[in-house]
Amino acid sequence: MQILVQVLCSKGGSLREAIANDKRIDKFGLRVTSEKQPGRQPGWMKLHSADSARGALNVEWDTQSAVLSARIITKGSKKPSPIVGDFVNYLLARHGSRVQSMTTAYR
């Protein structure tokens, strides 16, 4: 199953880089597992749940539109809701001042 979360943000620096450099992300049950070199377009990063059985998030930042896109992927019958919840809680707690709206789509 896949879920796409798109976050419209206020203009500013890369939210993806801010997430990648956040030392407190593990307190929200997430960890950065890989990242394309910062500054290269399009930048991306992969997050996993601290409970690795719950899936992964592929995160991209679009500077022009100030949109953070996260594609959540789970294998088999694992439900994506825990990792989606961890990610949304993290965004609102740590970067809530930049978040203007969020939308989700299921595939």
C-alpha atoms as a PDB file:
ATOM      1  CA  MET A   1       0.000   0.000   0.000  1.00  0.00           C
ATOM      2  CA  GLN A   2       1.135   3.545  -0.690  1.00  0.00           C
ATOM      3  CA  ILE A   3       0.004   6.853   0.769  1.00  0.00           C
ATOM      4  CA  LEU A   4       1.127  10.239  -0.507  1.00  0.00           C
ATOM      5  CA  VAL A   5       1.229  13.111   1.988  1.00  0.00           C
ATOM      6  CA  GLN A   6       1.762  16.561   0.503  1.00  0.00           C
ATOM      7  CA  VAL A   7       2.513  19.471   2.802  1.00  0.00           C
ATOM      8  CA  LEU A   8       2.164  23.040   1.553  1.00  0.00           C
ATOM      9  CA  CYS A   9       4.657  25.157   3.491  1.00  0.00           C
ATOM     10  CA  SER A  10       5.517  28.793   3.892  1.00  0.00           C
ATOM     11  CA  LYS A  11       8.492  29.934   1.816  1.00  0.00           C
ATOM     12  CA  GLY A  12      11.909  29.371   3.304  1.00  0.00           C
ATOM     13  CA  GLY A  13      14.745  26.897   3.372  1.00  0.00           C
ATOM     14  CA  SER A  14      14.393  23.234   2.536  1.00  0.00           C
ATOM     15  CA  LEU A  15      12.116  21.506   5.016  1.00  0.00           C
ATOM     16  CA  ARG A  16      13.613  18.192   3.901  1.00  0.00           C
ATOM     17  CA  GLU A  17      17.078  19.353   4.981  1.00  0.00           C
ATOM     18  CA  ALA A  18      15.663  20.638   8.270  1.00  0.00           C
ATOM     19  CA  ILE A  19      14.150  17.209   8.927  1.00  0.00           C
ATOM     20  CA  ALA A  20      17.367  15.414   7.916  1.00  0.00           C
ATOM     21  CA  ASN A  21      19.420  17.559  10.318  1.00  0.00           C
ATOM     22  CA  ASP A  22      16.984  17.367  13.243  1.00  0.00           C
ATOM     23  CA  LYS A  23      18.661  15.637  16.188  1.00  0.00           C
ATOM     24  CA  ARG A  24      15.294  15.083  17.912  1.00  0.00           C
ATOM     25  CA  ILE A  25      13.536  13.154  15.135  1.00  0.00           C
ATOM     26  CA  ASP A  26      14.079   9.861  16.969  1.00  0.00           C
ATOM     27  CA  LYS A  27      11.817  11.081  19.795  1.00  0.00           C
ATOM     28  CA  PHE A  28       8.955  10.815  17.286  1.00  0.00           C
ATOM     29  CA  GLY A  29       9.684   7.208  16.324  1.00  0.00           C
ATOM     30  CA  LEU A  30      11.441   8.098  13.037  1.00  0.00           C
ATOM     31  CA  ARG A  31      15.013   7.852  11.795  1.00  0.00           C
ATOM     32  CA  VAL A  32      16.793   9.062   8.654  1.00  0.00           C
ATOM     33  CA  THR A  33      18.211   6.053   6.809  1.00  0.00           C
ATOM     34  CA  SER A  34      19.501   7.596   3.571  1.00  0.00           C
ATOM     35  CA  GLU A  35      19.688  10.969   1.881  1.00  0.00           C
ATOM     36  CA  LYS A  36      20.726  12.325  -1.483  1.00  0.00           C
ATOM     37  CA  GLN A  37      23.416  14.940  -1.246  1.00  0.00           C
ATOM     38  CA  PRO A  38      21.919  18.186   0.072  1.00  0.00           C
ATOM     39  CA  GLY A  39      21.729  20.991  -2.460  1.00  0.00           C
ATOM     40  CA  ARG A  40      21.178  18.718  -5.471  1.00  0.00           C
ATOM     41  CA  GLN A  41      17.828  18.827  -7.230  1.00  0.00           C
ATOM     42  CA  PRO A  42      15.517  17.134  -6.566  1.00  0.00           C
ATOM     43  CA  GLY A  43      16.577  16.441  -3.013  1.00  0.00           C
ATOM     44  CA  TRP A  44      15.209  13.347  -1.345  1.00  0.00           C
ATOM     45  CA  MET A  45      15.519  11.429   1.886  1.00  0.00           C
ATOM     46  CA  LYS A  46      14.312   8.119   3.240  1.00  0.00           C
ATOM     47  CA  LEU A  47      12.868   7.796   6.738  1.00  0.00           C
ATOM     48  CA  HIS A  48      12.031   4.581   8.532  1.00  0.00           C
ATOM     49  CA  SER A  49       9.993   3.963  11.611  1.00  0.00           C
ATOM     50  CA  ALA A  50      11.983   3.160  14.739  1.00  0.00           C
ATOM     51  CA  ASP A  51       9.898  -0.026  14.614  1.00  0.00           C
ATOM     52  CA  SER A  52      11.272  -1.115  11.223  1.00  0.00           C
ATOM     53  CA  ALA A  53       8.318  -3.440  10.594  1.00  0.00           C
ATOM     54  CA  ARG A  54       6.050  -0.453   9.918  1.00  0.00           C
ATOM     55  CA  GLY A  55       7.399   0.818   6.603  1.00  0.00           C
ATOM     56  CA  ALA A  56       9.341   3.681   5.057  1.00  0.00           C
ATOM     57  CA  LEU A  57       8.802   7.259   3.882  1.00  0.00           C
ATOM     58  CA  ASN A  58      10.417   8.706   0.764  1.00  0.00           C
ATOM     59  CA  VAL A  59      10.533  12.477   1.256  1.00  0.00           C
ATOM     60  CA  GLU A  60      11.138  15.131  -1.426  1.00  0.00           C
ATOM     61  CA  TRP A  61      11.194  18.930  -1.263  1.00  0.00           C
ATOM     62  CA  ASP A  62      10.180  21.219  -4.135  1.00  0.00           C
ATOM     63  CA  THR A  63      11.697  24.656  -3.590  1.00  0.00           C
ATOM     64  CA  GLN A  64       9.655  26.449  -6.266  1.00  0.00           C
ATOM     65  CA  SER A  65       6.290  25.478  -4.791  1.00  0.00           C
ATOM     66  CA  ALA A  66       7.439  25.013  -1.166  1.00  0.00           C
ATOM     67  CA  VAL A  67       5.820  21.559  -1.073  1.00  0.00           C
ATOM     68  CA  LEU A  68       7.114  18.621   0.931  1.00  0.00           C
ATOM     69  CA  SER A  69       5.989  15.283  -0.525  1.00  0.00           C
ATOM     70  CA  ALA A  70       6.213  12.056   1.442  1.00  0.00           C
ATOM     71  CA  ARG A  71       5.385   8.711  -0.122  1.00  0.00           C
ATOM     72  CA  ILE A  72       4.714   6.099   2.547  1.00  0.00           C
ATOM     73  CA  ILE A  73       5.271   2.496   1.524  1.00  0.00           C
ATOM     74  CA  THR A  74       4.382  -0.621   3.488  1.00  0.00           C
ATOM     75  CA  LYS A  75       4.781  -4.193   2.349  1.00  0.00           C
ATOM     76  CA  GLY A  76       2.201  -6.927   2.605  1.00  0.00           C
ATOM     77  CA  SER A  77      -0.693  -6.402   4.966  1.00  0.00           C
ATOM     78  CA  LYS A  78       1.084  -3.966   7.284  1.00  0.00           C
ATOM     79  CA  LYS A  79      -1.061  -0.927   7.897  1.00  0.00           C
ATOM     80  CA  PRO A  80       0.611   2.445   7.207  1.00  0.00           C
ATOM     81  CA  SER A  81      -1.306   4.431   9.810  1.00  0.00           C
ATOM     82  CA  PRO A  82       1.315   4.252  12.610  1.00  0.00           C
ATOM     83  CA  ILE A  83       4.165   5.635  10.486  1.00  0.00           C
ATOM     84  CA  VAL A  84       1.869   8.249   8.896  1.00  0.00           C
ATOM     85  CA  GLY A  85       0.797   9.323  12.385  1.00  0.00           C
ATOM     86  CA  ASP A  86       4.411   9.533  13.584  1.00  0.00           C
ATOM     87  CA  PHE A  87       5.328  11.671  10.562  1.00  0.00           C
ATOM     88  CA  VAL A  88       2.358  14.050  10.876  1.00  0.00           C
ATOM     89  CA  ASN A  89       2.919  14.407  14.640  1.00  0.00           C
ATOM     90  CA  TYR A  90       6.584  15.175  13.999  1.00  0.00           C
ATOM     91  CA  LEU A  91       5.829  17.780  11.315  1.00  0.00           C
ATOM     92  CA  LEU A  92       3.284  19.608  13.436  1.00  0.00           C
ATOM     93  CA  ALA A  93       5.396  19.503  16.605  1.00  0.00           C
ATOM     94  CA  ARG A  94       8.753  20.491  15.099  1.00  0.00           C
ATOM     95  CA  HIS A  95       7.829  22.469  11.952  1.00  0.00           C
ATOM     96  CA  GLY A  96       4.224  23.485  12.575  1.00  0.00           C
ATOM     97  CA  SER A  97       4.920  27.171  11.989  1.00  0.00           C
ATOM     98  CA  ARG A  98       5.821  26.402   8.336  1.00  0.00           C
ATOM     99  CA  VAL A  99       2.903  24.036   7.634  1.00  0.00           C
ATOM    100  CA  GLN A 100      -0.016  25.710   5.856  1.00  0.00           C
ATOM    101  CA  SER A 101      -1.962  22.623   4.767  1.00  0.00           C
ATOM    102  CA  MET A 102      -1.642  18.851   4.353  1.00  0.00           C
ATOM    103  CA  THR A 103      -3.375  16.486   1.979  1.00  0.00           C
ATOM    104  CA  THR A 104      -3.215  12.702   1.612  1.00  0.00           C
ATOM    105  CA  ALA A 105      -3.948  10.333  -1.239  1.00  0.00           C
ATOM    106  CA  TYR A 106      -4.095   6.525  -1.212  1.00  0.00           C
ATOM    107  CA  ARG A 107      -2.916   4.215  -3.983  1.00  0.00           C
END
